[in-house]
Amino acid sequence: LNQRTVCPYFQFNLECDDNKWKLALIGSLDGFGALIGTPVCAFVSDKFGRKRALCFFSMCCVILGFIRSFSVNYIMYAVLDFFNEFLDFGIFGTSFVLCKFEIHFNLLKLCTLKSFSGPAQAA
């Protein structure tokens, strides 16, 4: 297999100039999935518990990612990509809150400062 048969760019005939907007649509759907997924997944994790929600989100994300790799058309790929990003931010938010509550309260300010300053120091 070469890159032309594996990459969705070539698989769904997106190299044509008329289909360039479809590439941007995937990125927009990712952002929209994150925007919608964050409050919905927060509600689910508050309702059913963070550990259960984290396991559920993780399993669904793996299953959706596996199915997405076998997408037969562009619409199927876009929908599965949206829901995968939806659940990705559910995993992020739930695990972030779990990590914050696992540490001692005295270290909470330091860890919050480190979590925001870490990416800036790495640049």
PDB file of N, CA and C in Angstrom:
ATOM      1  N   LEU A   1       0.835  -1.186   0.000  1.00  0.00           N
ATOM      2  CA  LEU A   1       0.000   0.000   0.000  1.00  0.00           C
ATOM      3  C   LEU A   1       0.877   1.245   0.000  1.00  0.00           C
ATOM      4  N   ASN A   2       0.516   2.177  -0.800  1.00  0.00           N
ATOM      5  CA  ASN A   2       1.231   3.445  -0.778  1.00  0.00           C
ATOM      6  C   ASN A   2       0.330   4.525  -0.183  1.00  0.00           C
ATOM      7  N   GLN A   3       0.858   5.715  -0.069  1.00  0.00           N
ATOM      8  CA  GLN A   3       0.121   6.798   0.567  1.00  0.00           C
ATOM      9  C   GLN A   3      -1.126   7.189  -0.219  1.00  0.00           C
ATOM     10  N   ARG A   4      -1.145   6.986  -1.490  1.00  0.00           N
ATOM     11  CA  ARG A   4      -2.293   7.381  -2.305  1.00  0.00           C
ATOM     12  C   ARG A   4      -3.520   6.517  -2.037  1.00  0.00           C
ATOM     13  N   THR A   5      -3.346   5.321  -1.497  1.00  0.00           N
ATOM     14  CA  THR A   5      -4.493   4.465  -1.227  1.00  0.00           C
ATOM     15  C   THR A   5      -4.953   4.552   0.219  1.00  0.00           C
ATOM     16  N   VAL A   6      -4.120   5.062   1.117  1.00  0.00           N
ATOM     17  CA  VAL A   6      -4.448   5.075   2.537  1.00  0.00           C
ATOM     18  C   VAL A   6      -5.001   6.421   2.993  1.00  0.00           C
ATOM     19  N   CYS A   7      -4.487   7.493   2.485  1.00  0.00           N
ATOM     20  CA  CYS A   7      -4.841   8.843   2.937  1.00  0.00           C
ATOM     21  C   CYS A   7      -6.243   9.228   2.443  1.00  0.00           C
ATOM     22  N   PRO A   8      -7.099   9.778   3.335  1.00  0.00           N
ATOM     23  CA  PRO A   8      -8.433  10.210   2.892  1.00  0.00           C
ATOM     24  C   PRO A   8      -8.389  11.289   1.817  1.00  0.00           C
ATOM     25  N   TYR A   9      -7.309  12.035   1.762  1.00  0.00           N
ATOM     26  CA  TYR A   9      -7.155  13.076   0.750  1.00  0.00           C
ATOM     27  C   TYR A   9      -7.249  12.485  -0.649  1.00  0.00           C
ATOM     28  N   PHE A  10      -6.628  11.355  -0.859  1.00  0.00           N
ATOM     29  CA  PHE A  10      -6.675  10.691  -2.159  1.00  0.00           C
ATOM     30  C   PHE A  10      -7.826   9.692  -2.248  1.00  0.00           C
ATOM     31  N   GLN A  11      -8.176   9.098  -1.128  1.00  0.00           N
ATOM     32  CA  GLN A  11      -9.217   8.077  -1.118  1.00  0.00           C
ATOM     33  C   GLN A  11     -10.579   8.635  -1.539  1.00  0.00           C
ATOM     34  N   PHE A  12     -10.881   9.864  -1.139  1.00  0.00           N
ATOM     35  CA  PHE A  12     -12.169  10.470  -1.460  1.00  0.00           C
ATOM     36  C   PHE A  12     -12.058  11.513  -2.563  1.00  0.00           C
ATOM     37  N   ASN A  13     -10.983  11.490  -3.332  1.00  0.00           N
ATOM     38  CA  ASN A  13     -10.775  12.361  -4.492  1.00  0.00           C
ATOM     39  C   ASN A  13     -10.849  13.845  -4.106  1.00  0.00           C
ATOM     40  N   LEU A  14     -10.082  14.212  -3.085  1.00  0.00           N
ATOM     41  CA  LEU A  14     -10.092  15.594  -2.615  1.00  0.00           C
ATOM     42  C   LEU A  14      -8.975  16.430  -3.214  1.00  0.00           C
ATOM     43  N   GLU A  15      -8.135  15.835  -4.065  1.00  0.00           N
ATOM     44  CA  GLU A  15      -7.046  16.616  -4.662  1.00  0.00           C
ATOM     45  C   GLU A  15      -7.528  17.540  -5.769  1.00  0.00           C
ATOM     46  N   CYS A  16      -8.732  17.358  -6.237  1.00  0.00           N
ATOM     47  CA  CYS A  16      -9.317  18.227  -7.260  1.00  0.00           C
ATOM     48  C   CYS A  16      -9.615  19.602  -6.651  1.00  0.00           C
ATOM     49  N   ASP A  17      -9.462  20.657  -7.436  1.00  0.00           N
ATOM     50  CA  ASP A  17      -9.690  22.012  -6.926  1.00  0.00           C
ATOM     51  C   ASP A  17     -11.141  22.245  -6.513  1.00  0.00           C
ATOM     52  N   ASP A  18     -12.070  21.548  -7.128  1.00  0.00           N
ATOM     53  CA  ASP A  18     -13.480  21.713  -6.773  1.00  0.00           C
ATOM     54  C   ASP A  18     -13.809  21.119  -5.406  1.00  0.00           C
ATOM     55  N   ASN A  19     -12.956  20.253  -4.891  1.00  0.00           N
ATOM     56  CA  ASN A  19     -13.225  19.573  -3.628  1.00  0.00           C
ATOM     57  C   ASN A  19     -12.358  20.070  -2.475  1.00  0.00           C
ATOM     58  N   LYS A  20     -11.662  21.174  -2.648  1.00  0.00           N
ATOM     59  CA  LYS A  20     -10.797  21.689  -1.581  1.00  0.00           C
ATOM     60  C   LYS A  20     -11.598  22.099  -0.346  1.00  0.00           C
ATOM     61  N   TRP A  21     -12.834  22.527  -0.533  1.00  0.00           N
ATOM     62  CA  TRP A  21     -13.655  22.944   0.594  1.00  0.00           C
ATOM     63  C   TRP A  21     -13.967  21.777   1.525  1.00  0.00           C
ATOM     64  N   LYS A  22     -13.934  20.568   0.992  1.00  0.00           N
ATOM     65  CA  LYS A  22     -14.220  19.401   1.831  1.00  0.00           C
ATOM     66  C   LYS A  22     -13.129  19.170   2.864  1.00  0.00           C
ATOM     67  N   LEU A  23     -11.898  19.541   2.530  1.00  0.00           N
ATOM     68  CA  LEU A  23     -10.819  19.433   3.508  1.00  0.00           C
ATOM     69  C   LEU A  23     -11.041  20.395   4.668  1.00  0.00           C
ATOM     70  N   ALA A  24     -11.448  21.615   4.349  1.00  0.00           N
ATOM     71  CA  ALA A  24     -11.715  22.605   5.395  1.00  0.00           C
ATOM     72  C   ALA A  24     -12.925  22.209   6.229  1.00  0.00           C
ATOM     73  N   LEU A  25     -13.886  21.535   5.613  1.00  0.00           N
ATOM     74  CA  LEU A  25     -15.077  21.114   6.344  1.00  0.00           C
ATOM     75  C   LEU A  25     -14.731  20.110   7.437  1.00  0.00           C
ATOM     76  N   ILE A  26     -13.790  19.226   7.179  1.00  0.00           N
ATOM     77  CA  ILE A  26     -13.384  18.255   8.197  1.00  0.00           C
ATOM     78  C   ILE A  26     -12.809  18.982   9.411  1.00  0.00           C
ATOM     79  N   GLY A  27     -11.962  19.975   9.183  1.00  0.00           N
ATOM     80  CA  GLY A  27     -11.415  20.752  10.292  1.00  0.00           C
ATOM     81  C   GLY A  27     -12.477  21.530  11.043  1.00  0.00           C
ATOM     82  N   SER A  28     -13.447  22.061  10.318  1.00  0.00           N
ATOM     83  CA  SER A  28     -14.536  22.793  10.966  1.00  0.00           C
ATOM     84  C   SER A  28     -15.408  21.862  11.788  1.00  0.00           C
ATOM     85  N   LEU A  29     -15.654  20.666  11.277  1.00  0.00           N
ATOM     86  CA  LEU A  29     -16.443  19.695  12.035  1.00  0.00           C
ATOM     87  C   LEU A  29     -15.716  19.247  13.291  1.00  0.00           C
ATOM     88  N   ASP A  30     -14.386  19.176  13.226  1.00  0.00           N
ATOM     89  CA  ASP A  30     -13.616  18.852  14.428  1.00  0.00           C
ATOM     90  C   ASP A  30     -13.825  19.909  15.507  1.00  0.00           C
ATOM     91  N   GLY A  31     -13.717  21.162  15.118  1.00  0.00           N
ATOM     92  CA  GLY A  31     -13.913  22.245  16.081  1.00  0.00           C
ATOM     93  C   GLY A  31     -15.325  22.291  16.626  1.00  0.00           C
ATOM     94  N   PHE A  32     -16.301  22.057  15.758  1.00  0.00           N
ATOM     95  CA  PHE A  32     -17.696  22.053  16.188  1.00  0.00           C
ATOM     96  C   PHE A  32     -17.979  20.865  17.102  1.00  0.00           C
ATOM     97  N   GLY A  33     -17.386  19.717  16.808  1.00  0.00           N
ATOM     98  CA  GLY A  33     -17.545  18.547  17.672  1.00  0.00           C
ATOM     99  C   GLY A  33     -16.979  18.783  19.058  1.00  0.00           C
ATOM    100  N   ALA A  34     -15.843  19.470  19.121  1.00  0.00           N
ATOM    101  CA  ALA A  34     -15.254  19.801  20.415  1.00  0.00           C
ATOM    102  C   ALA A  34     -16.128  20.790  21.173  1.00  0.00           C
ATOM    103  N   LEU A  35     -16.682  21.756  20.458  1.00  0.00           N
ATOM    104  CA  LEU A  35     -17.528  22.774  21.077  1.00  0.00           C
ATOM    105  C   LEU A  35     -18.801  22.161  21.653  1.00  0.00           C
ATOM    106  N   ILE A  36     -19.415  21.264  20.920  1.00  0.00           N
ATOM    107  CA  ILE A  36     -20.651  20.629  21.374  1.00  0.00           C
ATOM    108  C   ILE A  36     -20.359  19.517  22.381  1.00  0.00           C
ATOM    109  N   GLY A  37     -19.269  18.798  22.176  1.00  0.00           N
ATOM    110  CA  GLY A  37     -18.960  17.647  23.013  1.00  0.00           C
ATOM    111  C   GLY A  37     -18.566  17.980  24.431  1.00  0.00           C
ATOM    112  N   THR A  38     -17.953  19.127  24.632  1.00  0.00           N
ATOM    113  CA  THR A  38     -17.480  19.469  25.971  1.00  0.00           C
ATOM    114  C   THR A  38     -18.622  19.581  26.983  1.00  0.00           C
ATOM    115  N   PRO A  39     -19.672  20.374  26.759  1.00  0.00           N
ATOM    116  CA  PRO A  39     -20.737  20.436  27.770  1.00  0.00           C
ATOM    117  C   PRO A  39     -21.573  19.159  27.854  1.00  0.00           C
ATOM    118  N   VAL A  40     -21.775  18.493  26.736  1.00  0.00           N
ATOM    119  CA  VAL A  40     -22.572  17.261  26.767  1.00  0.00           C
ATOM    120  C   VAL A  40     -21.846  16.180  27.563  1.00  0.00           C
ATOM    121  N   CYS A  41     -20.560  16.022  27.297  1.00  0.00           N
ATOM    122  CA  CYS A  41     -19.782  15.015  28.023  1.00  0.00           C
ATOM    123  C   CYS A  41     -19.613  15.391  29.489  1.00  0.00           C
ATOM    124  N   ALA A  42     -19.563  16.683  29.795  1.00  0.00           N
ATOM    125  CA  ALA A  42     -19.501  17.116  31.192  1.00  0.00           C
ATOM    126  C   ALA A  42     -20.789  16.741  31.922  1.00  0.00           C
ATOM    127  N   PHE A  43     -21.920  16.920  31.261  1.00  0.00           N
ATOM    128  CA  PHE A  43     -23.192  16.530  31.865  1.00  0.00           C
ATOM    129  C   PHE A  43     -23.241  15.021  32.104  1.00  0.00           C
ATOM    130  N   VAL A  44     -22.794  14.244  31.126  1.00  0.00           N
ATOM    131  CA  VAL A  44     -22.796  12.781  31.264  1.00  0.00           C
ATOM    132  C   VAL A  44     -21.874  12.348  32.395  1.00  0.00           C
ATOM    133  N   SER A  45     -20.702  12.957  32.491  1.00  0.00           N
ATOM    134  CA  SER A  45     -19.771  12.559  33.546  1.00  0.00           C
ATOM    135  C   SER A  45     -20.268  12.988  34.924  1.00  0.00           C
ATOM    136  N   ASP A  46     -20.999  14.086  35.023  1.00  0.00           N
ATOM    137  CA  ASP A  46     -21.592  14.480  36.301  1.00  0.00           C
ATOM    138  C   ASP A  46     -22.745  13.563  36.684  1.00  0.00           C
ATOM    139  N   LYS A  47     -23.493  13.123  35.701  1.00  0.00           N
ATOM    140  CA  LYS A  47     -24.674  12.291  35.964  1.00  0.00           C
ATOM    141  C   LYS A  47     -24.300  10.852  36.345  1.00  0.00           C
ATOM    142  N   PHE A  48     -23.337  10.259  35.633  1.00  0.00           N
ATOM    143  CA  PHE A  48     -23.032   8.843  35.821  1.00  0.00           C
ATOM    144  C   PHE A  48     -21.695   8.583  36.500  1.00  0.00           C
ATOM    145  N   GLY A  49     -20.945   9.603  36.800  1.00  0.00           N
ATOM    146  CA  GLY A  49     -19.649   9.432  37.442  1.00  0.00           C
ATOM    147  C   GLY A  49     -18.528   9.583  36.435  1.00  0.00           C
ATOM    148  N   ARG A  50     -17.442  10.183  36.900  1.00  0.00           N
ATOM    149  CA  ARG A  50     -16.348  10.486  35.989  1.00  0.00           C
ATOM    150  C   ARG A  50     -15.600   9.251  35.515  1.00  0.00           C
ATOM    151  N   LYS A  51     -15.393   8.296  36.398  1.00  0.00           N
ATOM    152  CA  LYS A  51     -14.642   7.099  35.991  1.00  0.00           C
ATOM    153  C   LYS A  51     -15.432   6.270  34.983  1.00  0.00           C
ATOM    154  N   ARG A  52     -16.704   6.102  35.231  1.00  0.00           N
ATOM    155  CA  ARG A  52     -17.545   5.367  34.270  1.00  0.00           C
ATOM    156  C   ARG A  52     -17.606   6.094  32.931  1.00  0.00           C
ATOM    157  N   ALA A  53     -17.775   7.406  33.002  1.00  0.00           N
ATOM    158  CA  ALA A  53     -17.851   8.197  31.769  1.00  0.00           C
ATOM    159  C   ALA A  53     -16.536   8.136  31.005  1.00  0.00           C
ATOM    160  N   LEU A  54     -15.412   8.184  31.714  1.00  0.00           N
ATOM    161  CA  LEU A  54     -14.113   8.118  31.054  1.00  0.00           C
ATOM    162  C   LEU A  54     -13.927   6.778  30.351  1.00  0.00           C
ATOM    163  N   CYS A  55     -14.325   5.696  30.995  1.00  0.00           N
ATOM    164  CA  CYS A  55     -14.247   4.372  30.347  1.00  0.00           C
ATOM    165  C   CYS A  55     -15.170   4.304  29.137  1.00  0.00           C
ATOM    166  N   PHE A  56     -16.387   4.820  29.286  1.00  0.00           N
ATOM    167  CA  PHE A  56     -17.343   4.799  28.179  1.00  0.00           C
ATOM    168  C   PHE A  56     -16.860   5.641  27.006  1.00  0.00           C
ATOM    169  N   PHE A  57     -16.399   6.862  27.282  1.00  0.00           N
ATOM    170  CA  PHE A  57     -15.902   7.740  26.215  1.00  0.00           C
ATOM    171  C   PHE A  57     -14.703   7.115  25.509  1.00  0.00           C
ATOM    172  N   SER A  58     -13.815   6.507  26.288  1.00  0.00           N
ATOM    173  CA  SER A  58     -12.613   5.905  25.693  1.00  0.00           C
ATOM    174  C   SER A  58     -12.968   4.737  24.785  1.00  0.00           C
ATOM    175  N   MET A  59     -13.863   3.863  25.253  1.00  0.00           N
ATOM    176  CA  MET A  59     -14.251   2.715  24.423  1.00  0.00           C
ATOM    177  C   MET A  59     -14.960   3.173  23.151  1.00  0.00           C
ATOM    178  N   CYS A  60     -15.864   4.127  23.279  1.00  0.00           N
ATOM    179  CA  CYS A  60     -16.572   4.626  22.096  1.00  0.00           C
ATOM    180  C   CYS A  60     -15.628   5.312  21.121  1.00  0.00           C
ATOM    181  N   CYS A  61     -14.650   6.029  21.642  1.00  0.00           N
ATOM    182  CA  CYS A  61     -13.699   6.727  20.780  1.00  0.00           C
ATOM    183  C   CYS A  61     -12.849   5.731  19.996  1.00  0.00           C
ATOM    184  N   VAL A  62     -12.440   4.653  20.645  1.00  0.00           N
ATOM    185  CA  VAL A  62     -11.659   3.620  19.957  1.00  0.00           C
ATOM    186  C   VAL A  62     -12.501   2.943  18.881  1.00  0.00           C
ATOM    187  N   ILE A  63     -13.738   2.618  19.214  1.00  0.00           N
ATOM    188  CA  ILE A  63     -14.619   1.955  18.247  1.00  0.00           C
ATOM    189  C   ILE A  63     -14.907   2.871  17.059  1.00  0.00           C
ATOM    190  N   LEU A  64     -15.209   4.138  17.335  1.00  0.00           N
ATOM    191  CA  LEU A  64     -15.476   5.079  16.238  1.00  0.00           C
ATOM    192  C   LEU A  64     -14.243   5.310  15.378  1.00  0.00           C
ATOM    193  N   GLY A  65     -13.082   5.382  16.001  1.00  0.00           N
ATOM    194  CA  GLY A  65     -11.852   5.556  15.231  1.00  0.00           C
ATOM    195  C   GLY A  65     -11.564   4.363  14.343  1.00  0.00           C
ATOM    196  N   PHE A  66     -11.859   3.168  14.855  1.00  0.00           N
ATOM    197  CA  PHE A  66     -11.658   1.959  14.054  1.00  0.00           C
ATOM    198  C   PHE A  66     -12.626   1.919  12.877  1.00  0.00           C
ATOM    199  N   ILE A  67     -13.885   2.239  13.130  1.00  0.00           N
ATOM    200  CA  ILE A  67     -14.877   2.259  12.051  1.00  0.00           C
ATOM    201  C   ILE A  67     -14.550   3.354  11.043  1.00  0.00           C
ATOM    202  N   ARG A  68     -14.076   4.504  11.533  1.00  0.00           N
ATOM    203  CA  ARG A  68     -13.737   5.621  10.644  1.00  0.00           C
ATOM    204  C   ARG A  68     -12.616   5.248   9.680  1.00  0.00           C
ATOM    205  N   SER A  69     -11.722   4.386  10.121  1.00  0.00           N
ATOM    206  CA  SER A  69     -10.625   3.992   9.228  1.00  0.00           C
ATOM    207  C   SER A  69     -11.116   3.154   8.052  1.00  0.00           C
ATOM    208  N   PHE A  70     -12.319   2.621   8.143  1.00  0.00           N
ATOM    209  CA  PHE A  70     -12.897   1.847   7.048  1.00  0.00           C
ATOM    210  C   PHE A  70     -14.048   2.590   6.369  1.00  0.00           C
ATOM    211  N   SER A  71     -14.044   3.902   6.421  1.00  0.00           N
ATOM    212  CA  SER A  71     -15.110   4.704   5.804  1.00  0.00           C
ATOM    213  C   SER A  71     -15.163   4.448   4.306  1.00  0.00           C
ATOM    214  N   VAL A  72     -16.384   4.328   3.799  1.00  0.00           N
ATOM    215  CA  VAL A  72     -16.553   4.036   2.374  1.00  0.00           C
ATOM    216  C   VAL A  72     -16.822   5.289   1.548  1.00  0.00           C
ATOM    217  N   ASN A  73     -17.220   6.387   2.207  1.00  0.00           N
ATOM    218  CA  ASN A  73     -17.438   7.630   1.467  1.00  0.00           C
ATOM    219  C   ASN A  73     -17.117   8.819   2.366  1.00  0.00           C
ATOM    220  N   TYR A  74     -17.149   9.986   1.786  1.00  0.00           N
ATOM    221  CA  TYR A  74     -16.753  11.205   2.494  1.00  0.00           C
ATOM    222  C   TYR A  74     -17.719  11.550   3.626  1.00  0.00           C
ATOM    223  N   ILE A  75     -19.004  11.371   3.414  1.00  0.00           N
ATOM    224  CA  ILE A  75     -19.996  11.725   4.434  1.00  0.00           C
ATOM    225  C   ILE A  75     -19.836  10.849   5.669  1.00  0.00           C
ATOM    226  N   MET A  76     -19.618   9.577   5.463  1.00  0.00           N
ATOM    227  CA  MET A  76     -19.395   8.670   6.586  1.00  0.00           C
ATOM    228  C   MET A  76     -18.142   9.080   7.357  1.00  0.00           C
ATOM    229  N   TYR A  77     -17.092   9.429   6.630  1.00  0.00           N
ATOM    230  CA  TYR A  77     -15.849   9.866   7.267  1.00  0.00           C
ATOM    231  C   TYR A  77     -16.069  11.149   8.070  1.00  0.00           C
ATOM    232  N   ALA A  78     -16.804  12.102   7.512  1.00  0.00           N
ATOM    233  CA  ALA A  78     -17.034  13.379   8.189  1.00  0.00           C
ATOM    234  C   ALA A  78     -17.869  13.201   9.454  1.00  0.00           C
ATOM    235  N   VAL A  79     -18.915  12.393   9.384  1.00  0.00           N
ATOM    236  CA  VAL A  79     -19.776  12.170  10.551  1.00  0.00           C
ATOM    237  C   VAL A  79     -19.004  11.462  11.657  1.00  0.00           C
ATOM    238  N   LEU A  80     -18.266  10.425  11.308  1.00  0.00           N
ATOM    239  CA  LEU A  80     -17.492   9.705  12.317  1.00  0.00           C
ATOM    240  C   LEU A  80     -16.374  10.567  12.887  1.00  0.00           C
ATOM    241  N   ASP A  81     -15.792  11.434  12.079  1.00  0.00           N
ATOM    242  CA  ASP A  81     -14.762  12.344  12.568  1.00  0.00           C
ATOM    243  C   ASP A  81     -15.350  13.350  13.554  1.00  0.00           C
ATOM    244  N   PHE A  82     -16.550  13.835  13.275  1.00  0.00           N
ATOM    245  CA  PHE A  82     -17.235  14.749  14.195  1.00  0.00           C
ATOM    246  C   PHE A  82     -17.459  14.081  15.550  1.00  0.00           C
ATOM    247  N   PHE A  83     -18.012  12.870  15.543  1.00  0.00           N
ATOM    248  CA  PHE A  83     -18.298  12.195  16.806  1.00  0.00           C
ATOM    249  C   PHE A  83     -17.032  11.748  17.523  1.00  0.00           C
ATOM    250  N   ASN A  84     -15.987  11.450  16.780  1.00  0.00           N
ATOM    251  CA  ASN A  84     -14.722  11.108  17.410  1.00  0.00           C
ATOM    252  C   ASN A  84     -14.153  12.316  18.150  1.00  0.00           C
ATOM    253  N   GLU A  85     -14.213  13.478  17.541  1.00  0.00           N
ATOM    254  CA  GLU A  85     -13.745  14.699  18.210  1.00  0.00           C
ATOM    255  C   GLU A  85     -14.665  15.060  19.371  1.00  0.00           C
ATOM    256  N   PHE A  86     -15.949  14.819  19.212  1.00  0.00           N
ATOM    257  CA  PHE A  86     -16.932  15.016  20.278  1.00  0.00           C
ATOM    258  C   PHE A  86     -16.504  14.249  21.528  1.00  0.00           C
ATOM    259  N   LEU A  87     -16.143  12.982  21.342  1.00  0.00           N
ATOM    260  CA  LEU A  87     -15.749  12.146  22.470  1.00  0.00           C
ATOM    261  C   LEU A  87     -14.327  12.422  22.936  1.00  0.00           C
ATOM    262  N   ASP A  88     -13.456  12.869  22.044  1.00  0.00           N
ATOM    263  CA  ASP A  88     -12.088  13.215  22.444  1.00  0.00           C
ATOM    264  C   ASP A  88     -12.089  14.310  23.504  1.00  0.00           C
ATOM    265  N   PHE A  89     -12.911  15.312  23.322  1.00  0.00           N
ATOM    266  CA  PHE A  89     -12.958  16.373  24.320  1.00  0.00           C
ATOM    267  C   PHE A  89     -13.680  15.918  25.575  1.00  0.00           C
ATOM    268  N   GLY A  90     -14.550  14.925  25.470  1.00  0.00           N
ATOM    269  CA  GLY A  90     -15.126  14.325  26.668  1.00  0.00           C
ATOM    270  C   GLY A  90     -14.069  13.609  27.479  1.00  0.00           C
ATOM    271  N   ILE A  91     -13.169  12.920  26.792  1.00  0.00           N
ATOM    272  CA  ILE A  91     -12.065  12.247  27.475  1.00  0.00           C
ATOM    273  C   ILE A  91     -11.151  13.280  28.121  1.00  0.00           C
ATOM    274  N   PHE A  92     -10.822  14.327  27.380  1.00  0.00           N
ATOM    275  CA  PHE A  92      -9.928  15.358  27.910  1.00  0.00           C
ATOM    276  C   PHE A  92     -10.514  16.027  29.148  1.00  0.00           C
ATOM    277  N   GLY A  93     -11.758  16.488  29.046  1.00  0.00           N
ATOM    278  CA  GLY A  93     -12.364  17.196  30.171  1.00  0.00           C
ATOM    279  C   GLY A  93     -12.531  16.322  31.395  1.00  0.00           C
ATOM    280  N   THR A  94     -12.981  15.092  31.194  1.00  0.00           N
ATOM    281  CA  THR A  94     -13.193  14.184  32.311  1.00  0.00           C
ATOM    282  C   THR A  94     -11.878  13.814  32.979  1.00  0.00           C
ATOM    283  N   SER A  95     -10.866  13.505  32.196  1.00  0.00           N
ATOM    284  CA  SER A  95      -9.575  13.142  32.788  1.00  0.00           C
ATOM    285  C   SER A  95      -8.908  14.347  33.445  1.00  0.00           C
ATOM    286  N   PHE A  96      -9.104  15.543  32.897  1.00  0.00           N
ATOM    287  CA  PHE A  96      -8.544  16.748  33.507  1.00  0.00           C
ATOM    288  C   PHE A  96      -9.140  16.972  34.889  1.00  0.00           C
ATOM    289  N   VAL A  97     -10.459  16.832  35.011  1.00  0.00           N
ATOM    290  CA  VAL A  97     -11.113  17.020  36.306  1.00  0.00           C
ATOM    291  C   VAL A  97     -10.702  15.918  37.269  1.00  0.00           C
ATOM    292  N   LEU A  98     -10.609  14.683  36.804  1.00  0.00           N
ATOM    293  CA  LEU A  98     -10.169  13.593  37.672  1.00  0.00           C
ATOM    294  C   LEU A  98      -8.759  13.835  38.194  1.00  0.00           C
ATOM    295  N   CYS A  99      -7.878  14.301  37.356  1.00  0.00           N
ATOM    296  CA  CYS A  99      -6.502  14.569  37.788  1.00  0.00           C
ATOM    297  C   CYS A  99      -6.447  15.720  38.779  1.00  0.00           C
ATOM    298  N   LYS A 100      -7.289  16.705  38.601  1.00  0.00           N
ATOM    299  CA  LYS A 100      -7.294  17.839  39.527  1.00  0.00           C
ATOM    300  C   LYS A 100      -7.775  17.429  40.914  1.00  0.00           C
ATOM    301  N   PHE A 101      -8.719  16.492  41.003  1.00  0.00           N
ATOM    302  CA  PHE A 101      -9.231  16.085  42.302  1.00  0.00           C
ATOM    303  C   PHE A 101      -8.392  14.999  42.955  1.00  0.00           C
ATOM    304  N   GLU A 102      -7.478  14.390  42.230  1.00  0.00           N
ATOM    305  CA  GLU A 102      -6.620  13.364  42.811  1.00  0.00           C
ATOM    306  C   GLU A 102      -5.479  13.960  43.627  1.00  0.00           C
ATOM    307  N   ILE A 103      -5.112  15.187  43.350  1.00  0.00           N
ATOM    308  CA  ILE A 103      -3.995  15.791  44.065  1.00  0.00           C
ATOM    309  C   ILE A 103      -4.484  16.450  45.345  1.00  0.00           C
ATOM    310  N   HIS A 104      -3.573  16.694  46.248  1.00  0.00           N
ATOM    311  CA  HIS A 104      -3.907  17.344  47.505  1.00  0.00           C
ATOM    312  C   HIS A 104      -4.294  18.796  47.245  1.00  0.00           C
ATOM    313  N   PHE A 105      -5.205  19.308  48.030  1.00  0.00           N
ATOM    314  CA  PHE A 105      -5.731  20.654  47.795  1.00  0.00           C
ATOM    315  C   PHE A 105      -4.648  21.724  47.887  1.00  0.00           C
ATOM    316  N   ASN A 106      -3.625  21.512  48.720  1.00  0.00           N
ATOM    317  CA  ASN A 106      -2.549  22.503  48.858  1.00  0.00           C
ATOM    318  C   ASN A 106      -1.748  22.642  47.576  1.00  0.00           C
ATOM    319  N   LEU A 107      -1.663  21.585  46.791  1.00  0.00           N
ATOM    320  CA  LEU A 107      -0.891  21.622  45.558  1.00  0.00           C
ATOM    321  C   LEU A 107      -1.723  22.050  44.353  1.00  0.00           C
ATOM    322  N   LEU A 108      -3.002  22.305  44.568  1.00  0.00           N
ATOM    323  CA  LEU A 108      -3.899  22.602  43.454  1.00  0.00           C
ATOM    324  C   LEU A 108      -3.495  23.872  42.704  1.00  0.00           C
ATOM    325  N   LYS A 109      -3.136  24.922  43.433  1.00  0.00           N
ATOM    326  CA  LYS A 109      -2.739  26.170  42.773  1.00  0.00           C
ATOM    327  C   LYS A 109      -1.473  25.976  41.949  1.00  0.00           C
ATOM    328  N   LEU A 110      -0.507  25.265  42.510  1.00  0.00           N
ATOM    329  CA  LEU A 110       0.748  25.035  41.800  1.00  0.00           C
ATOM    330  C   LEU A 110       0.521  24.197  40.542  1.00  0.00           C
ATOM    331  N   CYS A 111      -0.303  23.163  40.646  1.00  0.00           N
ATOM    332  CA  CYS A 111      -0.566  22.304  39.483  1.00  0.00           C
ATOM    333  C   CYS A 111      -1.358  23.045  38.411  1.00  0.00           C
ATOM    334  N   THR A 112      -2.279  23.892  38.817  1.00  0.00           N
ATOM    335  CA  THR A 112      -3.025  24.682  37.840  1.00  0.00           C
ATOM    336  C   THR A 112      -2.094  25.636  37.112  1.00  0.00           C
ATOM    337  N   LEU A 113      -1.201  26.275  37.854  1.00  0.00           N
ATOM    338  CA  LEU A 113      -0.232  27.173  37.237  1.00  0.00           C
ATOM    339  C   LEU A 113       0.683  26.410  36.289  1.00  0.00           C
ATOM    340  N   LYS A 114       1.122  25.222  36.697  1.00  0.00           N
ATOM    341  CA  LYS A 114       2.001  24.415  35.850  1.00  0.00           C
ATOM    342  C   LYS A 114       1.289  23.933  34.590  1.00  0.00           C
ATOM    343  N   SER A 115       0.005  23.606  34.702  1.00  0.00           N
ATOM    344  CA  SER A 115      -0.710  23.102  33.527  1.00  0.00           C
ATOM    345  C   SER A 115      -0.888  24.188  32.477  1.00  0.00           C
ATOM    346  N   PHE A 116      -0.949  25.447  32.897  1.00  0.00           N
ATOM    347  CA  PHE A 116      -1.071  26.532  31.931  1.00  0.00           C
ATOM    348  C   PHE A 116       0.273  27.063  31.461  1.00  0.00           C
ATOM    349  N   SER A 117       1.303  26.932  32.288  1.00  0.00           N
ATOM    350  CA  SER A 117       2.604  27.472  31.899  1.00  0.00           C
ATOM    351  C   SER A 117       3.465  26.444  31.179  1.00  0.00           C
ATOM    352  N   GLY A 118       3.124  25.169  31.257  1.00  0.00           N
ATOM    353  CA  GLY A 118       3.925  24.124  30.613  1.00  0.00           C
ATOM    354  C   GLY A 118       4.055  24.279  29.110  1.00  0.00           C
ATOM    355  N   PRO A 119       2.953  24.452  28.369  1.00  0.00           N
ATOM    356  CA  PRO A 119       3.083  24.618  26.913  1.00  0.00           C
ATOM    357  C   PRO A 119       3.847  25.875  26.517  1.00  0.00           C
ATOM    358  N   ALA A 120       3.732  26.931  27.322  1.00  0.00           N
ATOM    359  CA  ALA A 120       4.448  28.164  26.993  1.00  0.00           C
ATOM    360  C   ALA A 120       5.950  27.997  27.198  1.00  0.00           C
ATOM    361  N   GLN A 121       6.335  27.218  28.203  1.00  0.00           N
ATOM    362  CA  GLN A 121       7.753  26.991  28.448  1.00  0.00           C
ATOM    363  C   GLN A 121       8.357  26.065  27.409  1.00  0.00           C
ATOM    364  N   ALA A 122       7.551  25.181  26.858  1.00  0.00           N
ATOM    365  CA  ALA A 122       8.064  24.232  25.868  1.00  0.00           C
ATOM    366  C   ALA A 122       8.345  24.906  24.535  1.00  0.00           C
ATOM    367  N   ALA A 123       7.688  26.019  24.261  1.00  0.00           N
ATOM    368  CA  ALA A 123       7.860  26.699  22.969  1.00  0.00           C
ATOM    369  C   ALA A 123       9.167  27.446  22.867  1.00  0.00           C
TER     370      ALA A 123
END
